[in-house]
Each structure stands twice: as C-alpha cells, then as structure tokens.
Amino acid sequence: MWDVAEELKAMLVFAEHRYYGESLPFGDNSFKDSRHLNFLTSEQALADFAELIKHLKRTIPGAENQPVIAIGGSYGGMLAAWFRMKYPHMVVGALAASAPIWQFEDLVPCGVFMKIVTTDFRKSGPHCSESIRRSWEAINRLSNTGSG
C-alpha cells in the first residue's frame, strides 16, 4: 500500500473509528452506560468516514476531484465493503480483505465457529478449553464490579 501510494502520488488516510483510540465522543463517559454506547454502530462509523472524505476534499487543495478507494481488513474490510455499498458516489472502489460481510441464513449453523475453536483448544491440552471457559466467567464477573 505504501509503495503503490507513493508511485501513484496518492494520499493515505487512516480514519479512527469512533469509540477507539482518542475518538471518544463523550470523553471519559463514553463507555459509562448504554445511553452513551448507542452511538457505537458501524452505520455511524460509515457516516463519520463520509464526513471525513467530504472534509478532506473540501479543505485540501487539489483533492476535490480525486478518486477515493476504501481499504480494510477484517472489521475494517467489512467497513470498506459496506462503505462502497452505502456511499458508491464517494468511493470508486473498495478492497476488503478477510471481511465476512454477508451472513446467509441456514448456511452455517449459529455457534459452529465456537464449536470448532473449542475442539482445537481441547486438542491443545487436557485443561485448555475449560481454562478458557472459566476465564470468560471471571471476565464477566469482574466487568460487573465497580472497577471493571
């Protein structure tokens, strides 16, 4: 990506997803309760990215008519693909790597991934899968405390 950007004289922009890094819309209260977390959705992140593109095209000399390509992997890839679908007028394409954007009903039973992973953990050692299960219980218990 870096080499190609230099060769094409392209600008790379890494947009920070709201609620991640420094992008906390309610500061220290961003994770306080569901009222504050209601603004943590992929749809709202896509709208943020659309506003960012508009802002960059408006404020950077020469950027107004330049093409934009959305790129991402995993969840970022899902966002790139969804962005192209929702805002086709803003990006000329999207490169989405390892991005499971579609879920087909009855194609894969719910929970099959967890069953496969649990089977792998069991192969790792006699107590591995049980230790992981107990760790989730501990995480859930601690997250319900004042310091969690």
N, C-alpha and C. Protein backbone atom coordinates (compact mmCIF):
# COMPACT_ATOMS: atom_id res chain seq x y z
N MET A 1 0.83 -1.18 0.00
CA MET A 1 0.00 0.00 0.00
C MET A 1 0.88 1.25 0.00
N TRP A 2 1.92 1.25 0.84
CA TRP A 2 2.79 2.42 0.92
C TRP A 2 3.52 2.66 -0.39
N ASP A 3 4.06 1.59 -0.98
CA ASP A 3 4.79 1.72 -2.24
C ASP A 3 3.88 2.19 -3.36
N VAL A 4 2.71 1.61 -3.44
CA VAL A 4 1.77 1.97 -4.50
C VAL A 4 1.30 3.41 -4.32
N ALA A 5 1.05 3.82 -3.10
CA ALA A 5 0.61 5.19 -2.84
C ALA A 5 1.66 6.18 -3.30
N GLU A 6 2.91 5.90 -3.00
CA GLU A 6 3.99 6.79 -3.43
C GLU A 6 4.08 6.84 -4.95
N GLU A 7 4.00 5.69 -5.56
CA GLU A 7 4.09 5.61 -7.03
C GLU A 7 2.94 6.37 -7.69
N LEU A 8 1.75 6.28 -7.13
CA LEU A 8 0.57 6.93 -7.70
C LEU A 8 0.35 8.35 -7.19
N LYS A 9 1.25 8.79 -6.32
CA LYS A 9 1.12 10.11 -5.69
C LYS A 9 -0.22 10.23 -4.96
N ALA A 10 -0.56 9.16 -4.27
CA ALA A 10 -1.83 9.10 -3.55
C ALA A 10 -1.62 9.45 -2.08
N MET A 11 -2.67 9.93 -1.47
CA MET A 11 -2.64 10.22 -0.05
C MET A 11 -3.30 9.06 0.68
N LEU A 12 -2.66 8.57 1.74
CA LEU A 12 -3.24 7.53 2.57
C LEU A 12 -3.81 8.18 3.82
N VAL A 13 -5.05 7.85 4.14
CA VAL A 13 -5.70 8.38 5.33
C VAL A 13 -6.18 7.21 6.16
N PHE A 14 -5.79 7.17 7.41
CA PHE A 14 -6.25 6.14 8.33
C PHE A 14 -7.25 6.79 9.27
N ALA A 15 -8.52 6.54 9.04
CA ALA A 15 -9.58 7.14 9.85
C ALA A 15 -9.75 6.34 11.13
N GLU A 16 -9.85 7.04 12.24
CA GLU A 16 -10.05 6.37 13.52
C GLU A 16 -11.54 6.19 13.77
N HIS A 17 -11.93 4.98 14.06
CA HIS A 17 -13.33 4.62 14.34
C HIS A 17 -13.74 5.25 15.67
N ARG A 18 -14.93 5.83 15.70
CA ARG A 18 -15.41 6.42 16.95
C ARG A 18 -15.41 5.36 18.06
N TYR A 19 -15.13 5.79 19.26
CA TYR A 19 -15.01 4.97 20.47
C TYR A 19 -13.69 4.19 20.54
N TYR A 20 -12.79 4.39 19.59
CA TYR A 20 -11.49 3.74 19.62
C TYR A 20 -10.41 4.80 19.69
N GLY A 21 -9.30 4.48 20.32
CA GLY A 21 -8.19 5.42 20.40
C GLY A 21 -8.60 6.69 21.10
N GLU A 22 -8.37 7.81 20.44
CA GLU A 22 -8.69 9.13 21.02
C GLU A 22 -10.11 9.60 20.66
N SER A 23 -10.81 8.83 19.85
CA SER A 23 -12.13 9.25 19.35
C SER A 23 -13.25 8.83 20.30
N LEU A 24 -13.28 9.48 21.45
CA LEU A 24 -14.30 9.17 22.46
C LEU A 24 -15.31 10.32 22.49
N PRO A 25 -16.50 10.12 21.92
CA PRO A 25 -17.46 11.21 21.78
C PRO A 25 -17.94 11.81 23.10
N PHE A 26 -17.88 11.06 24.18
CA PHE A 26 -18.31 11.57 25.48
C PHE A 26 -17.15 11.57 26.47
N GLY A 27 -15.94 11.62 25.97
CA GLY A 27 -14.76 11.63 26.84
C GLY A 27 -14.74 10.41 27.73
N ASP A 28 -14.45 10.61 29.01
CA ASP A 28 -14.37 9.50 29.96
C ASP A 28 -15.70 8.80 30.18
N ASN A 29 -16.79 9.43 29.80
CA ASN A 29 -18.12 8.83 29.98
C ASN A 29 -18.58 8.01 28.77
N SER A 30 -17.74 7.86 27.77
CA SER A 30 -18.14 7.19 26.53
C SER A 30 -18.62 5.76 26.74
N PHE A 31 -18.08 5.07 27.73
CA PHE A 31 -18.46 3.67 27.98
C PHE A 31 -19.29 3.53 29.26
N LYS A 32 -19.81 4.63 29.74
CA LYS A 32 -20.49 4.65 31.04
C LYS A 32 -21.76 3.80 31.06
N ASP A 33 -22.59 3.90 30.04
CA ASP A 33 -23.85 3.16 30.02
C ASP A 33 -24.34 3.04 28.58
N SER A 34 -25.44 2.33 28.41
CA SER A 34 -25.95 2.07 27.06
C SER A 34 -26.39 3.35 26.36
N ARG A 35 -26.79 4.34 27.13
CA ARG A 35 -27.20 5.61 26.52
C ARG A 35 -26.03 6.22 25.73
N HIS A 36 -24.83 6.10 26.28
CA HIS A 36 -23.65 6.63 25.60
C HIS A 36 -23.17 5.69 24.49
N LEU A 37 -23.37 4.40 24.67
CA LEU A 37 -22.91 3.42 23.68
C LEU A 37 -23.84 3.31 22.47
N ASN A 38 -25.00 3.95 22.54
CA ASN A 38 -25.93 3.91 21.41
C ASN A 38 -25.33 4.49 20.14
N PHE A 39 -24.26 5.25 20.29
CA PHE A 39 -23.63 5.89 19.14
C PHE A 39 -22.47 5.08 18.58
N LEU A 40 -22.29 3.86 19.09
CA LEU A 40 -21.22 2.97 18.62
C LEU A 40 -21.82 1.94 17.67
N THR A 41 -22.01 2.35 16.42
CA THR A 41 -22.54 1.43 15.41
C THR A 41 -21.70 1.54 14.14
N SER A 42 -21.72 0.50 13.36
CA SER A 42 -20.98 0.55 12.09
C SER A 42 -21.61 1.58 11.15
N GLU A 43 -22.93 1.74 11.19
CA GLU A 43 -23.58 2.73 10.34
C GLU A 43 -23.09 4.13 10.65
N GLN A 44 -22.95 4.42 11.95
CA GLN A 44 -22.48 5.75 12.33
C GLN A 44 -21.01 5.94 11.98
N ALA A 45 -20.23 4.86 12.07
CA ALA A 45 -18.82 4.94 11.67
C ALA A 45 -18.73 5.24 10.17
N LEU A 46 -19.58 4.60 9.36
CA LEU A 46 -19.58 4.87 7.92
C LEU A 46 -19.93 6.33 7.64
N ALA A 47 -20.90 6.85 8.37
CA ALA A 47 -21.28 8.26 8.19
C ALA A 47 -20.12 9.17 8.59
N ASP A 48 -19.39 8.80 9.64
CA ASP A 48 -18.20 9.58 10.03
C ASP A 48 -17.18 9.60 8.90
N PHE A 49 -16.94 8.44 8.29
CA PHE A 49 -15.96 8.35 7.21
C PHE A 49 -16.41 9.20 6.01
N ALA A 50 -17.72 9.19 5.74
CA ALA A 50 -18.24 10.01 4.64
C ALA A 50 -17.98 11.49 4.92
N GLU A 51 -18.21 11.91 6.15
CA GLU A 51 -17.96 13.31 6.51
C GLU A 51 -16.47 13.64 6.42
N LEU A 52 -15.63 12.69 6.82
CA LEU A 52 -14.18 12.90 6.73
C LEU A 52 -13.75 13.09 5.27
N ILE A 53 -14.25 12.25 4.39
CA ILE A 53 -13.90 12.38 2.97
C ILE A 53 -14.35 13.74 2.44
N LYS A 54 -15.58 14.14 2.77
CA LYS A 54 -16.08 15.45 2.32
C LYS A 54 -15.18 16.57 2.83
N HIS A 55 -14.81 16.47 4.10
CA HIS A 55 -13.95 17.50 4.71
C HIS A 55 -12.59 17.56 4.01
N LEU A 56 -11.97 16.41 3.78
CA LEU A 56 -10.66 16.38 3.14
C LEU A 56 -10.73 16.94 1.71
N LYS A 57 -11.75 16.57 0.98
CA LYS A 57 -11.90 17.05 -0.40
C LYS A 57 -12.16 18.56 -0.43
N ARG A 58 -12.81 19.07 0.59
CA ARG A 58 -13.14 20.49 0.67
C ARG A 58 -11.94 21.33 1.12
N THR A 59 -11.08 20.76 1.96
CA THR A 59 -10.03 21.57 2.59
C THR A 59 -8.62 21.34 2.05
N ILE A 60 -8.38 20.27 1.33
CA ILE A 60 -7.04 20.02 0.80
C ILE A 60 -7.00 20.46 -0.66
N PRO A 61 -6.12 21.40 -0.97
CA PRO A 61 -6.03 21.89 -2.36
C PRO A 61 -5.76 20.74 -3.33
N GLY A 62 -6.56 20.67 -4.39
CA GLY A 62 -6.39 19.65 -5.41
C GLY A 62 -7.08 18.33 -5.12
N ALA A 63 -7.66 18.17 -3.95
CA ALA A 63 -8.26 16.89 -3.57
C ALA A 63 -9.71 16.73 -4.04
N GLU A 64 -10.35 17.83 -4.36
CA GLU A 64 -11.79 17.82 -4.62
C GLU A 64 -12.23 16.78 -5.65
N ASN A 65 -11.50 16.64 -6.74
CA ASN A 65 -11.92 15.73 -7.81
C ASN A 65 -11.09 14.45 -7.87
N GLN A 66 -10.36 14.16 -6.82
CA GLN A 66 -9.53 12.96 -6.80
C GLN A 66 -10.35 11.74 -6.37
N PRO A 67 -10.09 10.57 -6.97
CA PRO A 67 -10.83 9.36 -6.60
C PRO A 67 -10.41 8.85 -5.22
N VAL A 68 -11.33 8.17 -4.58
CA VAL A 68 -11.09 7.59 -3.25
C VAL A 68 -11.35 6.09 -3.33
N ILE A 69 -10.47 5.32 -2.70
CA ILE A 69 -10.64 3.87 -2.59
C ILE A 69 -10.64 3.53 -1.11
N ALA A 70 -11.62 2.78 -0.66
CA ALA A 70 -11.69 2.33 0.74
C ALA A 70 -10.96 0.99 0.84
N ILE A 71 -10.11 0.86 1.85
CA ILE A 71 -9.33 -0.36 2.03
C ILE A 71 -9.41 -0.77 3.50
N GLY A 72 -9.55 -2.07 3.75
CA GLY A 72 -9.53 -2.54 5.13
C GLY A 72 -9.47 -4.05 5.20
N GLY A 73 -9.12 -4.54 6.37
CA GLY A 73 -9.07 -5.97 6.61
C GLY A 73 -9.85 -6.32 7.86
N SER A 74 -10.46 -7.48 7.87
CA SER A 74 -11.28 -7.95 8.98
C SER A 74 -12.46 -6.97 9.15
N TYR A 75 -12.66 -6.44 10.36
CA TYR A 75 -13.76 -5.49 10.55
C TYR A 75 -13.57 -4.26 9.66
N GLY A 76 -12.33 -3.80 9.51
CA GLY A 76 -12.06 -2.68 8.62
C GLY A 76 -12.42 -3.01 7.18
N GLY A 77 -12.24 -4.26 6.79
CA GLY A 77 -12.64 -4.70 5.46
C GLY A 77 -14.14 -4.69 5.30
N MET A 78 -14.83 -5.09 6.37
CA MET A 78 -16.29 -5.04 6.33
C MET A 78 -16.75 -3.60 6.15
N LEU A 79 -16.11 -2.68 6.89
CA LEU A 79 -16.47 -1.27 6.76
C LEU A 79 -16.18 -0.76 5.34
N ALA A 80 -15.05 -1.16 4.77
CA ALA A 80 -14.71 -0.73 3.41
C ALA A 80 -15.77 -1.21 2.42
N ALA A 81 -16.15 -2.48 2.51
CA ALA A 81 -17.17 -3.02 1.61
C ALA A 81 -18.52 -2.34 1.82
N TRP A 82 -18.91 -2.19 3.07
CA TRP A 82 -20.19 -1.53 3.36
C TRP A 82 -20.17 -0.08 2.90
N PHE A 83 -19.00 0.58 3.05
CA PHE A 83 -18.90 1.98 2.61
C PHE A 83 -19.15 2.08 1.11
N ARG A 84 -18.56 1.18 0.36
CA ARG A 84 -18.75 1.19 -1.10
C ARG A 84 -20.22 0.95 -1.45
N MET A 85 -20.88 0.08 -0.67
CA MET A 85 -22.29 -0.22 -0.93
C MET A 85 -23.19 0.96 -0.56
N LYS A 86 -22.91 1.60 0.56
CA LYS A 86 -23.76 2.68 1.06
C LYS A 86 -23.45 4.03 0.42
N TYR A 87 -22.19 4.25 0.10
CA TYR A 87 -21.77 5.54 -0.46
C TYR A 87 -21.03 5.34 -1.79
N PRO A 88 -21.66 4.71 -2.78
CA PRO A 88 -20.95 4.44 -4.04
C PRO A 88 -20.54 5.71 -4.78
N HIS A 89 -21.20 6.82 -4.48
CA HIS A 89 -20.86 8.09 -5.12
C HIS A 89 -19.61 8.72 -4.52
N MET A 90 -19.12 8.17 -3.40
CA MET A 90 -17.96 8.77 -2.73
C MET A 90 -16.67 8.00 -2.94
N VAL A 91 -16.76 6.71 -3.27
CA VAL A 91 -15.56 5.90 -3.50
C VAL A 91 -15.68 5.17 -4.83
N VAL A 92 -14.56 5.08 -5.53
CA VAL A 92 -14.58 4.39 -6.82
C VAL A 92 -14.42 2.89 -6.65
N GLY A 93 -14.05 2.47 -5.46
CA GLY A 93 -13.90 1.04 -5.20
C GLY A 93 -13.55 0.79 -3.76
N ALA A 94 -13.55 -0.49 -3.40
CA ALA A 94 -13.19 -0.91 -2.05
C ALA A 94 -12.41 -2.21 -2.14
N LEU A 95 -11.38 -2.30 -1.34
CA LEU A 95 -10.60 -3.53 -1.22
C LEU A 95 -10.84 -4.05 0.19
N ALA A 96 -11.56 -5.15 0.30
CA ALA A 96 -11.93 -5.71 1.60
C ALA A 96 -11.29 -7.08 1.76
N ALA A 97 -10.36 -7.19 2.69
CA ALA A 97 -9.67 -8.46 2.94
C ALA A 97 -10.22 -9.12 4.20
N SER A 98 -10.45 -10.41 4.14
CA SER A 98 -10.96 -11.18 5.29
C SER A 98 -12.15 -10.48 5.93
N ALA A 99 -13.12 -10.14 5.11
CA ALA A 99 -14.27 -9.36 5.56
C ALA A 99 -15.56 -10.14 5.38
N PRO A 100 -16.02 -10.83 6.41
CA PRO A 100 -17.25 -11.64 6.29
C PRO A 100 -18.50 -10.76 6.36
N ILE A 101 -18.83 -10.09 5.24
CA ILE A 101 -19.91 -9.11 5.28
C ILE A 101 -21.31 -9.70 5.15
N TRP A 102 -21.43 -10.88 4.64
CA TRP A 102 -22.76 -11.47 4.45
C TRP A 102 -22.94 -12.66 5.39
N GLN A 103 -24.10 -12.76 5.96
CA GLN A 103 -24.45 -13.95 6.74
C GLN A 103 -25.66 -14.56 6.06
N PHE A 104 -25.51 -15.78 5.59
CA PHE A 104 -26.60 -16.44 4.88
C PHE A 104 -27.35 -17.35 5.85
N GLU A 105 -28.64 -17.13 5.92
CA GLU A 105 -29.48 -17.91 6.81
C GLU A 105 -29.39 -19.39 6.46
N ASP A 106 -29.22 -20.22 7.46
CA ASP A 106 -29.17 -21.67 7.35
C ASP A 106 -27.95 -22.21 6.58
N LEU A 107 -27.03 -21.33 6.20
CA LEU A 107 -25.83 -21.81 5.50
C LEU A 107 -24.84 -22.41 6.50
N VAL A 108 -24.61 -21.69 7.58
CA VAL A 108 -23.72 -22.16 8.64
C VAL A 108 -24.48 -22.01 9.95
N PRO A 109 -24.64 -23.10 10.70
CA PRO A 109 -25.37 -23.01 11.96
C PRO A 109 -24.71 -22.04 12.94
N CYS A 110 -25.53 -21.33 13.67
CA CYS A 110 -25.03 -20.41 14.68
C CYS A 110 -24.20 -21.18 15.71
N GLY A 111 -23.08 -20.67 16.09
CA GLY A 111 -22.25 -21.31 17.10
C GLY A 111 -21.25 -22.31 16.56
N VAL A 112 -21.25 -22.57 15.26
CA VAL A 112 -20.33 -23.57 14.72
C VAL A 112 -18.88 -23.13 14.87
N PHE A 113 -18.61 -21.83 14.75
CA PHE A 113 -17.24 -21.34 14.92
C PHE A 113 -16.74 -21.66 16.33
N MET A 114 -17.58 -21.39 17.33
CA MET A 114 -17.18 -21.65 18.72
C MET A 114 -16.94 -23.14 18.95
N LYS A 115 -17.74 -23.98 18.32
CA LYS A 115 -17.54 -25.43 18.47
C LYS A 115 -16.19 -25.85 17.88
N ILE A 116 -15.85 -25.32 16.73
CA ILE A 116 -14.58 -25.65 16.09
C ILE A 116 -13.41 -25.16 16.94
N VAL A 117 -13.50 -23.93 17.41
CA VAL A 117 -12.43 -23.37 18.24
C VAL A 117 -12.28 -24.16 19.53
N THR A 118 -13.39 -24.52 20.15
CA THR A 118 -13.34 -25.32 21.39
C THR A 118 -12.69 -26.67 21.13
N THR A 119 -13.00 -27.29 20.01
CA THR A 119 -12.36 -28.56 19.65
C THR A 119 -10.85 -28.38 19.52
N ASP A 120 -10.42 -27.30 18.89
CA ASP A 120 -8.99 -27.02 18.77
C ASP A 120 -8.34 -26.81 20.13
N PHE A 121 -9.02 -26.08 21.00
CA PHE A 121 -8.48 -25.85 22.34
C PHE A 121 -8.34 -27.16 23.11
N ARG A 122 -9.31 -28.04 22.96
CA ARG A 122 -9.25 -29.34 23.64
C ARG A 122 -8.03 -30.14 23.18
N LYS A 123 -7.69 -30.01 21.90
CA LYS A 123 -6.52 -30.70 21.36
C LYS A 123 -5.22 -30.12 21.92
N SER A 124 -5.26 -28.88 22.38
CA SER A 124 -4.06 -28.21 22.88
C SER A 124 -3.63 -28.71 24.25
N GLY A 125 -4.53 -29.29 24.98
CA GLY A 125 -4.20 -29.80 26.30
C GLY A 125 -5.45 -30.19 27.05
N PRO A 126 -5.29 -31.01 28.07
CA PRO A 126 -6.46 -31.55 28.77
C PRO A 126 -7.31 -30.49 29.48
N HIS A 127 -6.72 -29.36 29.84
CA HIS A 127 -7.48 -28.36 30.60
C HIS A 127 -7.65 -27.03 29.86
N CYS A 128 -7.17 -26.97 28.63
CA CYS A 128 -7.16 -25.70 27.88
C CYS A 128 -8.56 -25.12 27.69
N SER A 129 -9.47 -25.88 27.11
CA SER A 129 -10.81 -25.33 26.82
C SER A 129 -11.54 -24.96 28.11
N GLU A 130 -11.36 -25.75 29.16
CA GLU A 130 -12.01 -25.44 30.44
C GLU A 130 -11.42 -24.17 31.05
N SER A 131 -10.12 -23.98 30.93
CA SER A 131 -9.48 -22.76 31.44
C SER A 131 -10.00 -21.53 30.72
N ILE A 132 -10.17 -21.64 29.42
CA ILE A 132 -10.70 -20.51 28.65
C ILE A 132 -12.14 -20.23 29.03
N ARG A 133 -12.95 -21.28 29.20
CA ARG A 133 -14.34 -21.08 29.62
C ARG A 133 -14.39 -20.37 30.97
N ARG A 134 -13.55 -20.81 31.92
CA ARG A 134 -13.51 -20.18 33.24
C ARG A 134 -13.01 -18.74 33.16
N SER A 135 -12.11 -18.47 32.23
CA SER A 135 -11.61 -17.09 32.10
C SER A 135 -12.74 -16.16 31.68
N TRP A 136 -13.65 -16.63 30.81
CA TRP A 136 -14.78 -15.80 30.42
C TRP A 136 -15.70 -15.54 31.61
N GLU A 137 -15.89 -16.55 32.45
CA GLU A 137 -16.69 -16.35 33.67
C GLU A 137 -16.05 -15.28 34.54
N ALA A 138 -14.73 -15.34 34.68
CA ALA A 138 -14.01 -14.35 35.50
C ALA A 138 -14.12 -12.95 34.89
N ILE A 139 -13.97 -12.86 33.58
CA ILE A 139 -14.08 -11.57 32.91
C ILE A 139 -15.48 -10.99 33.10
N ASN A 140 -16.50 -11.81 32.92
CA ASN A 140 -17.88 -11.33 33.12
C ASN A 140 -18.12 -10.90 34.56
N ARG A 141 -17.61 -11.67 35.50
CA ARG A 141 -17.77 -11.34 36.92
C ARG A 141 -17.07 -10.01 37.24
N LEU A 142 -15.83 -9.85 36.80
CA LEU A 142 -15.08 -8.63 37.07
C LEU A 142 -15.67 -7.41 36.37
N SER A 143 -16.22 -7.62 35.19
CA SER A 143 -16.79 -6.48 34.46
C SER A 143 -18.03 -5.93 35.14
N ASN A 144 -18.62 -6.69 36.03
CA ASN A 144 -19.80 -6.22 36.76
C ASN A 144 -19.46 -5.53 38.07
N THR A 145 -18.16 -5.39 38.37
CA THR A 145 -17.75 -4.70 39.59
C THR A 145 -17.54 -3.23 39.29
N GLY A 146 -17.39 -2.44 40.33
CA GLY A 146 -17.16 -1.00 40.16
C GLY A 146 -15.89 -0.68 39.41
N SER A 147 -14.86 -1.49 39.57
CA SER A 147 -13.59 -1.22 38.88
C SER A 147 -13.52 -1.88 37.51
N GLY A 148 -14.50 -2.70 37.19
CA GLY A 148 -14.49 -3.41 35.90
C GLY A 148 -15.14 -2.62 34.85
